[in-house]
């Protein structure tokens, strides 16, 4: 009976390992969040846009993965838009879309009266 259990465990382990191998690299799931990016988003959410901008720019210098690059550009765009810097807002949304042309704002973000139209204008350039 013990030999059967050992065989079952070995077969199960082999099955699980083969399933994991087929999933491919998953390093982004196990990477700790970028501290500068997290700090920048937190400062943005607290309304401290100057500190947020500095942290987000620092985060970009650290070599972010694609998802985090898009996040940094999105929050920088938000900061520029609410600060009346529409040209820079367009620029940051454009940079986010260069990294990921499928990037979309969340529904609540897309409806914002300041950056919503700016984003839609930049997004339209990528759907032609």
N, C-alpha and C. Protein backbone atom coordinates (compact mmCIF):
# COMPACT_ATOMS: atom_id res chain seq x y z
N UNK A 1 0.82 -1.19 0.00
CA UNK A 1 0.00 0.00 0.00
C UNK A 1 0.86 1.25 0.00
N UNK A 2 1.97 1.25 0.72
CA UNK A 2 2.86 2.39 0.79
C UNK A 2 3.46 2.69 -0.57
N UNK A 3 3.83 1.65 -1.31
CA UNK A 3 4.39 1.85 -2.65
C UNK A 3 3.39 2.52 -3.58
N UNK A 4 2.12 2.19 -3.43
CA UNK A 4 1.09 2.80 -4.27
C UNK A 4 0.98 4.29 -3.96
N UNK A 5 1.05 4.64 -2.69
CA UNK A 5 0.99 6.05 -2.28
C UNK A 5 2.19 6.82 -2.83
N UNK A 6 3.34 6.23 -2.73
CA UNK A 6 4.55 6.88 -3.25
C UNK A 6 4.42 7.09 -4.75
N UNK A 7 3.91 6.09 -5.44
CA UNK A 7 3.71 6.21 -6.90
C UNK A 7 2.72 7.32 -7.22
N UNK A 8 1.62 7.37 -6.48
CA UNK A 8 0.61 8.40 -6.71
C UNK A 8 1.18 9.80 -6.47
N UNK A 9 1.93 9.96 -5.42
CA UNK A 9 2.55 11.25 -5.12
C UNK A 9 3.53 11.63 -6.23
N UNK A 10 4.31 10.67 -6.70
CA UNK A 10 5.27 10.93 -7.77
C UNK A 10 4.56 11.33 -9.06
N UNK A 11 3.48 10.63 -9.39
CA UNK A 11 2.72 10.95 -10.60
C UNK A 11 2.09 12.33 -10.48
N UNK A 12 1.51 12.60 -9.32
CA UNK A 12 0.89 13.91 -9.09
C UNK A 12 1.93 15.02 -9.17
N UNK A 13 3.08 14.82 -8.57
CA UNK A 13 4.15 15.82 -8.62
C UNK A 13 4.60 16.06 -10.05
N UNK A 14 4.77 15.01 -10.82
CA UNK A 14 5.18 15.13 -12.22
C UNK A 14 4.13 15.90 -13.01
N UNK A 15 2.86 15.59 -12.76
CA UNK A 15 1.77 16.29 -13.45
C UNK A 15 1.80 17.78 -13.13
N UNK A 16 1.92 18.13 -11.84
CA UNK A 16 1.94 19.53 -11.44
C UNK A 16 3.14 20.28 -12.02
N UNK A 17 4.29 19.63 -12.01
CA UNK A 17 5.48 20.26 -12.57
C UNK A 17 5.35 20.49 -14.07
N UNK A 18 4.77 19.54 -14.77
CA UNK A 18 4.59 19.71 -16.22
C UNK A 18 3.58 20.81 -16.50
N UNK A 19 2.57 20.93 -15.68
CA UNK A 19 1.58 22.00 -15.86
C UNK A 19 2.22 23.36 -15.63
N UNK A 20 3.08 23.45 -14.62
CA UNK A 20 3.77 24.72 -14.35
C UNK A 20 4.71 25.07 -15.48
N UNK A 21 5.38 24.09 -16.05
CA UNK A 21 6.33 24.34 -17.13
C UNK A 21 5.61 24.91 -18.35
N UNK A 22 4.39 24.49 -18.59
CA UNK A 22 3.64 24.97 -19.75
C UNK A 22 3.14 26.39 -19.55
N UNK A 23 3.07 26.86 -18.33
CA UNK A 23 2.57 28.20 -18.05
C UNK A 23 3.57 29.27 -18.47
N UNK A 24 4.83 28.91 -18.60
CA UNK A 24 5.84 29.87 -19.01
C UNK A 24 6.34 30.70 -17.85
N UNK A 25 7.20 31.68 -18.15
CA UNK A 25 7.75 32.49 -17.07
C UNK A 25 6.68 33.32 -16.40
N UNK A 26 6.73 33.33 -15.10
CA UNK A 26 5.75 34.09 -14.33
C UNK A 26 6.45 35.04 -13.37
N UNK A 27 7.57 35.57 -13.77
CA UNK A 27 8.34 36.39 -12.85
C UNK A 27 7.57 37.62 -12.40
N UNK A 28 6.74 38.21 -13.27
CA UNK A 28 6.03 39.43 -12.88
C UNK A 28 5.05 39.17 -11.74
N UNK A 29 4.56 37.93 -11.63
CA UNK A 29 3.65 37.62 -10.54
C UNK A 29 4.37 37.57 -9.20
N UNK A 30 5.66 37.29 -9.23
CA UNK A 30 6.39 37.12 -8.00
C UNK A 30 7.32 38.28 -7.68
N UNK A 31 7.38 39.27 -8.54
CA UNK A 31 8.22 40.42 -8.26
C UNK A 31 7.54 41.30 -7.22
N UNK A 32 8.30 41.80 -6.27
CA UNK A 32 7.70 42.72 -5.31
C UNK A 32 7.32 44.01 -6.03
N UNK A 33 6.29 44.69 -5.56
CA UNK A 33 5.90 45.93 -6.23
C UNK A 33 7.02 46.96 -6.15
N UNK A 34 7.13 47.78 -7.16
CA UNK A 34 8.13 48.84 -7.17
C UNK A 34 7.77 49.86 -6.09
N UNK A 35 8.68 50.10 -5.18
CA UNK A 35 8.40 50.99 -4.04
C UNK A 35 8.13 52.42 -4.48
N UNK A 36 8.89 52.89 -5.46
CA UNK A 36 8.69 54.26 -5.94
C UNK A 36 7.33 54.40 -6.61
N UNK A 37 6.96 53.40 -7.40
CA UNK A 37 5.67 53.43 -8.08
C UNK A 37 4.54 53.44 -7.04
N UNK A 38 4.62 52.55 -6.07
CA UNK A 38 3.60 52.48 -5.02
C UNK A 38 3.52 53.79 -4.25
N UNK A 39 4.67 54.37 -3.96
CA UNK A 39 4.71 55.64 -3.25
C UNK A 39 4.09 56.76 -4.08
N UNK A 40 4.39 56.76 -5.38
CA UNK A 40 3.83 57.77 -6.27
C UNK A 40 2.32 57.68 -6.37
N UNK A 41 1.80 56.47 -6.47
CA UNK A 41 0.35 56.28 -6.55
C UNK A 41 -0.31 56.70 -5.24
N UNK A 42 0.32 56.34 -4.14
CA UNK A 42 -0.23 56.71 -2.82
C UNK A 42 -0.25 58.24 -2.68
N UNK A 43 0.83 58.90 -3.06
CA UNK A 43 0.87 60.36 -2.97
C UNK A 43 -0.18 60.99 -3.88
N UNK A 44 -0.36 60.41 -5.06
CA UNK A 44 -1.38 60.91 -5.98
C UNK A 44 -2.76 60.81 -5.32
N UNK A 45 -3.04 59.64 -4.75
CA UNK A 45 -4.34 59.42 -4.12
C UNK A 45 -4.57 60.34 -2.93
N UNK A 46 -3.49 60.79 -2.31
CA UNK A 46 -3.59 61.71 -1.18
C UNK A 46 -3.64 63.18 -1.65
N UNK A 47 -3.52 63.38 -2.96
CA UNK A 47 -3.59 64.73 -3.51
C UNK A 47 -2.27 65.49 -3.50
N UNK A 48 -1.19 64.80 -3.18
CA UNK A 48 0.14 65.42 -3.17
C UNK A 48 0.79 65.16 -4.53
N UNK A 49 0.39 65.95 -5.52
CA UNK A 49 0.80 65.70 -6.89
C UNK A 49 2.28 65.94 -7.14
N UNK A 50 2.85 66.91 -6.46
CA UNK A 50 4.28 67.18 -6.65
C UNK A 50 5.12 65.99 -6.20
N UNK A 51 4.84 65.47 -5.01
CA UNK A 51 5.56 64.30 -4.50
C UNK A 51 5.29 63.08 -5.37
N UNK A 52 4.04 62.95 -5.80
CA UNK A 52 3.67 61.82 -6.66
C UNK A 52 4.46 61.85 -7.96
N UNK A 53 4.55 63.02 -8.57
CA UNK A 53 5.27 63.14 -9.84
C UNK A 53 6.74 62.76 -9.69
N UNK A 54 7.36 63.24 -8.63
CA UNK A 54 8.77 62.91 -8.39
C UNK A 54 8.94 61.40 -8.23
N UNK A 55 8.08 60.77 -7.44
CA UNK A 55 8.19 59.32 -7.20
C UNK A 55 7.92 58.53 -8.48
N UNK A 56 6.93 58.95 -9.26
CA UNK A 56 6.62 58.24 -10.50
C UNK A 56 7.75 58.34 -11.52
N UNK A 57 8.38 59.50 -11.60
CA UNK A 57 9.52 59.66 -12.50
C UNK A 57 10.70 58.81 -12.04
N UNK A 58 10.93 58.75 -10.72
CA UNK A 58 11.99 57.90 -10.18
C UNK A 58 11.70 56.43 -10.48
N UNK A 59 10.45 56.05 -10.35
CA UNK A 59 10.06 54.66 -10.62
C UNK A 59 10.39 54.29 -12.06
N UNK A 60 10.16 55.21 -12.98
CA UNK A 60 10.44 54.93 -14.39
C UNK A 60 11.93 54.70 -14.63
N UNK A 61 12.76 55.33 -13.83
CA UNK A 61 14.21 55.16 -13.97
C UNK A 61 14.69 53.80 -13.48
N UNK A 62 13.84 53.09 -12.72
CA UNK A 62 14.26 51.82 -12.14
C UNK A 62 14.03 50.64 -13.08
N UNK A 63 13.42 50.86 -14.23
CA UNK A 63 13.19 49.77 -15.18
C UNK A 63 11.95 48.97 -14.83
N UNK A 64 10.80 49.55 -15.02
CA UNK A 64 9.53 48.91 -14.71
C UNK A 64 9.13 47.91 -15.79
N UNK A 65 8.34 46.91 -15.40
CA UNK A 65 7.77 46.02 -16.41
C UNK A 65 6.68 46.80 -17.15
N UNK A 66 6.15 46.21 -18.22
CA UNK A 66 5.20 46.92 -19.08
C UNK A 66 3.97 47.43 -18.31
N UNK A 67 3.40 46.56 -17.50
CA UNK A 67 2.19 46.94 -16.76
C UNK A 67 2.46 48.14 -15.86
N UNK A 68 3.60 48.13 -15.18
CA UNK A 68 3.94 49.23 -14.28
C UNK A 68 4.33 50.49 -15.05
N UNK A 69 4.95 50.33 -16.22
CA UNK A 69 5.24 51.50 -17.06
C UNK A 69 3.94 52.22 -17.42
N UNK A 70 2.96 51.44 -17.82
CA UNK A 70 1.66 52.02 -18.19
C UNK A 70 1.04 52.73 -16.99
N UNK A 71 1.10 52.11 -15.82
CA UNK A 71 0.56 52.74 -14.61
C UNK A 71 1.24 54.07 -14.32
N UNK A 72 2.56 54.08 -14.41
CA UNK A 72 3.29 55.32 -14.14
C UNK A 72 2.89 56.41 -15.12
N UNK A 73 2.81 56.08 -16.41
CA UNK A 73 2.41 57.06 -17.41
C UNK A 73 0.97 57.53 -17.17
N UNK A 74 0.09 56.62 -16.78
CA UNK A 74 -1.30 56.98 -16.54
C UNK A 74 -1.40 58.00 -15.41
N UNK A 75 -0.73 57.73 -14.30
CA UNK A 75 -0.81 58.66 -13.17
C UNK A 75 -0.12 59.98 -13.48
N UNK A 76 0.96 59.94 -14.23
CA UNK A 76 1.60 61.20 -14.65
C UNK A 76 0.65 61.99 -15.55
N UNK A 77 -0.07 61.29 -16.42
CA UNK A 77 -1.06 61.97 -17.27
C UNK A 77 -2.13 62.62 -16.41
N UNK A 78 -2.64 61.89 -15.43
CA UNK A 78 -3.66 62.45 -14.54
C UNK A 78 -3.14 63.72 -13.87
N UNK A 79 -1.91 63.66 -13.37
CA UNK A 79 -1.32 64.82 -12.69
C UNK A 79 -1.22 66.01 -13.63
N UNK A 80 -0.73 65.78 -14.83
CA UNK A 80 -0.61 66.87 -15.80
C UNK A 80 -1.98 67.44 -16.16
N UNK A 81 -2.95 66.57 -16.36
CA UNK A 81 -4.29 67.04 -16.73
C UNK A 81 -4.90 67.92 -15.63
N UNK A 82 -4.87 67.45 -14.40
CA UNK A 82 -5.49 68.24 -13.32
C UNK A 82 -4.68 69.48 -12.99
N UNK A 83 -3.44 69.53 -13.45
CA UNK A 83 -2.60 70.71 -13.23
C UNK A 83 -2.65 71.68 -14.40
N UNK A 84 -3.51 71.39 -15.37
CA UNK A 84 -3.68 72.28 -16.51
C UNK A 84 -2.60 72.17 -17.57
N UNK A 85 -1.84 71.09 -17.55
CA UNK A 85 -0.77 70.89 -18.54
C UNK A 85 -1.25 69.85 -19.56
N UNK A 86 -2.15 70.28 -20.44
CA UNK A 86 -2.80 69.36 -21.37
C UNK A 86 -1.82 68.72 -22.34
N UNK A 87 -0.82 69.48 -22.81
CA UNK A 87 0.15 68.91 -23.74
C UNK A 87 0.89 67.73 -23.11
N UNK A 88 1.35 67.91 -21.86
CA UNK A 88 2.06 66.84 -21.16
C UNK A 88 1.12 65.67 -20.84
N UNK A 89 -0.15 65.98 -20.60
CA UNK A 89 -1.14 64.94 -20.35
C UNK A 89 -1.27 64.06 -21.59
N UNK A 90 -1.42 64.70 -22.76
CA UNK A 90 -1.47 63.96 -24.02
C UNK A 90 -0.23 63.09 -24.18
N UNK A 91 0.92 63.69 -23.88
CA UNK A 91 2.20 63.00 -24.04
C UNK A 91 2.29 61.74 -23.19
N UNK A 92 1.86 61.83 -21.93
CA UNK A 92 1.93 60.66 -21.04
C UNK A 92 0.97 59.57 -21.47
N UNK A 93 -0.23 59.94 -21.90
CA UNK A 93 -1.15 58.92 -22.42
C UNK A 93 -0.59 58.28 -23.67
N UNK A 94 0.04 59.07 -24.53
CA UNK A 94 0.65 58.54 -25.75
C UNK A 94 1.75 57.54 -25.38
N UNK A 95 2.57 57.87 -24.40
CA UNK A 95 3.64 56.97 -23.97
C UNK A 95 3.06 55.67 -23.41
N UNK A 96 1.98 55.76 -22.65
CA UNK A 96 1.34 54.55 -22.12
C UNK A 96 0.84 53.67 -23.25
N UNK A 97 0.26 54.29 -24.27
CA UNK A 97 -0.28 53.53 -25.40
C UNK A 97 0.82 52.96 -26.29
N UNK A 98 1.98 53.59 -26.32
CA UNK A 98 3.11 53.02 -27.06
C UNK A 98 3.56 51.72 -26.37
N UNK A 99 3.58 51.74 -25.05
CA UNK A 99 3.96 50.54 -24.29
C UNK A 99 2.91 49.46 -24.47
N UNK A 100 1.63 49.85 -24.40
CA UNK A 100 0.54 48.88 -24.51
C UNK A 100 -0.63 49.51 -25.27
N UNK A 101 -0.70 49.28 -26.58
CA UNK A 101 -1.78 49.87 -27.38
C UNK A 101 -3.18 49.42 -26.96
N UNK A 102 -3.29 48.35 -26.18
CA UNK A 102 -4.60 47.89 -25.72
C UNK A 102 -5.01 48.53 -24.40
N UNK A 103 -4.15 49.37 -23.86
CA UNK A 103 -4.42 50.03 -22.58
C UNK A 103 -5.74 50.78 -22.61
N UNK A 104 -6.52 50.60 -21.56
CA UNK A 104 -7.79 51.30 -21.39
C UNK A 104 -7.86 51.85 -19.97
N UNK A 105 -8.54 52.96 -19.82
CA UNK A 105 -8.82 53.47 -18.49
C UNK A 105 -9.97 52.68 -17.90
N UNK A 106 -10.02 52.62 -16.57
CA UNK A 106 -11.17 52.01 -15.90
C UNK A 106 -12.38 52.89 -16.21
N UNK A 107 -13.59 52.32 -16.19
CA UNK A 107 -14.77 53.12 -16.52
C UNK A 107 -14.89 54.42 -15.73
N UNK A 108 -14.60 54.39 -14.44
CA UNK A 108 -14.69 55.61 -13.63
C UNK A 108 -13.65 56.64 -14.07
N UNK A 109 -12.49 56.17 -14.47
CA UNK A 109 -11.43 57.08 -14.93
C UNK A 109 -11.77 57.65 -16.30
N UNK A 110 -12.30 56.80 -17.17
CA UNK A 110 -12.60 57.21 -18.54
C UNK A 110 -13.65 58.31 -18.59
N UNK A 111 -14.52 58.36 -17.60
CA UNK A 111 -15.57 59.37 -17.57
C UNK A 111 -15.15 60.69 -16.96
N UNK A 112 -13.90 60.80 -16.54
CA UNK A 112 -13.44 62.04 -15.92
C UNK A 112 -13.50 63.18 -16.93
N UNK A 113 -14.05 64.34 -16.54
CA UNK A 113 -14.22 65.43 -17.51
C UNK A 113 -12.92 66.07 -17.99
N UNK A 114 -11.84 65.93 -17.26
CA UNK A 114 -10.59 66.56 -17.67
C UNK A 114 -9.75 65.61 -18.52
N UNK A 115 -9.42 64.44 -17.97
CA UNK A 115 -8.52 63.56 -18.73
C UNK A 115 -9.24 62.56 -19.62
N UNK A 116 -10.52 62.34 -19.41
CA UNK A 116 -11.28 61.41 -20.26
C UNK A 116 -11.19 61.77 -21.73
N UNK A 117 -11.51 63.02 -22.10
CA UNK A 117 -11.42 63.40 -23.52
C UNK A 117 -10.00 63.35 -24.07
N UNK A 118 -9.03 63.69 -23.23
CA UNK A 118 -7.63 63.65 -23.68
C UNK A 118 -7.24 62.21 -24.00
N UNK A 119 -7.59 61.30 -23.10
CA UNK A 119 -7.27 59.89 -23.33
C UNK A 119 -7.96 59.38 -24.59
N UNK A 120 -9.26 59.68 -24.73
CA UNK A 120 -9.99 59.20 -25.91
C UNK A 120 -9.36 59.71 -27.21
N UNK A 121 -8.88 60.95 -27.18
CA UNK A 121 -8.21 61.50 -28.36
C UNK A 121 -6.94 60.75 -28.71
N UNK A 122 -6.14 60.43 -27.70
CA UNK A 122 -4.91 59.67 -27.94
C UNK A 122 -5.23 58.23 -28.32
N UNK A 123 -6.21 57.63 -27.68
CA UNK A 123 -6.58 56.25 -27.97
C UNK A 123 -7.07 56.11 -29.41
N UNK A 124 -7.80 57.11 -29.88
CA UNK A 124 -8.32 57.07 -31.25
C UNK A 124 -7.20 56.95 -32.26
N UNK A 125 -6.04 57.49 -31.97
CA UNK A 125 -4.90 57.41 -32.87
C UNK A 125 -4.38 55.98 -32.99
N UNK A 126 -4.66 55.15 -31.98
CA UNK A 126 -4.16 53.77 -31.97
C UNK A 126 -5.18 52.77 -32.48
N UNK A 127 -6.39 53.23 -32.76
CA UNK A 127 -7.42 52.31 -33.23
C UNK A 127 -7.71 52.49 -34.72
N UNK A 128 -6.97 53.33 -35.39
CA UNK A 128 -7.18 53.57 -36.82
C UNK A 128 -6.59 52.46 -37.64
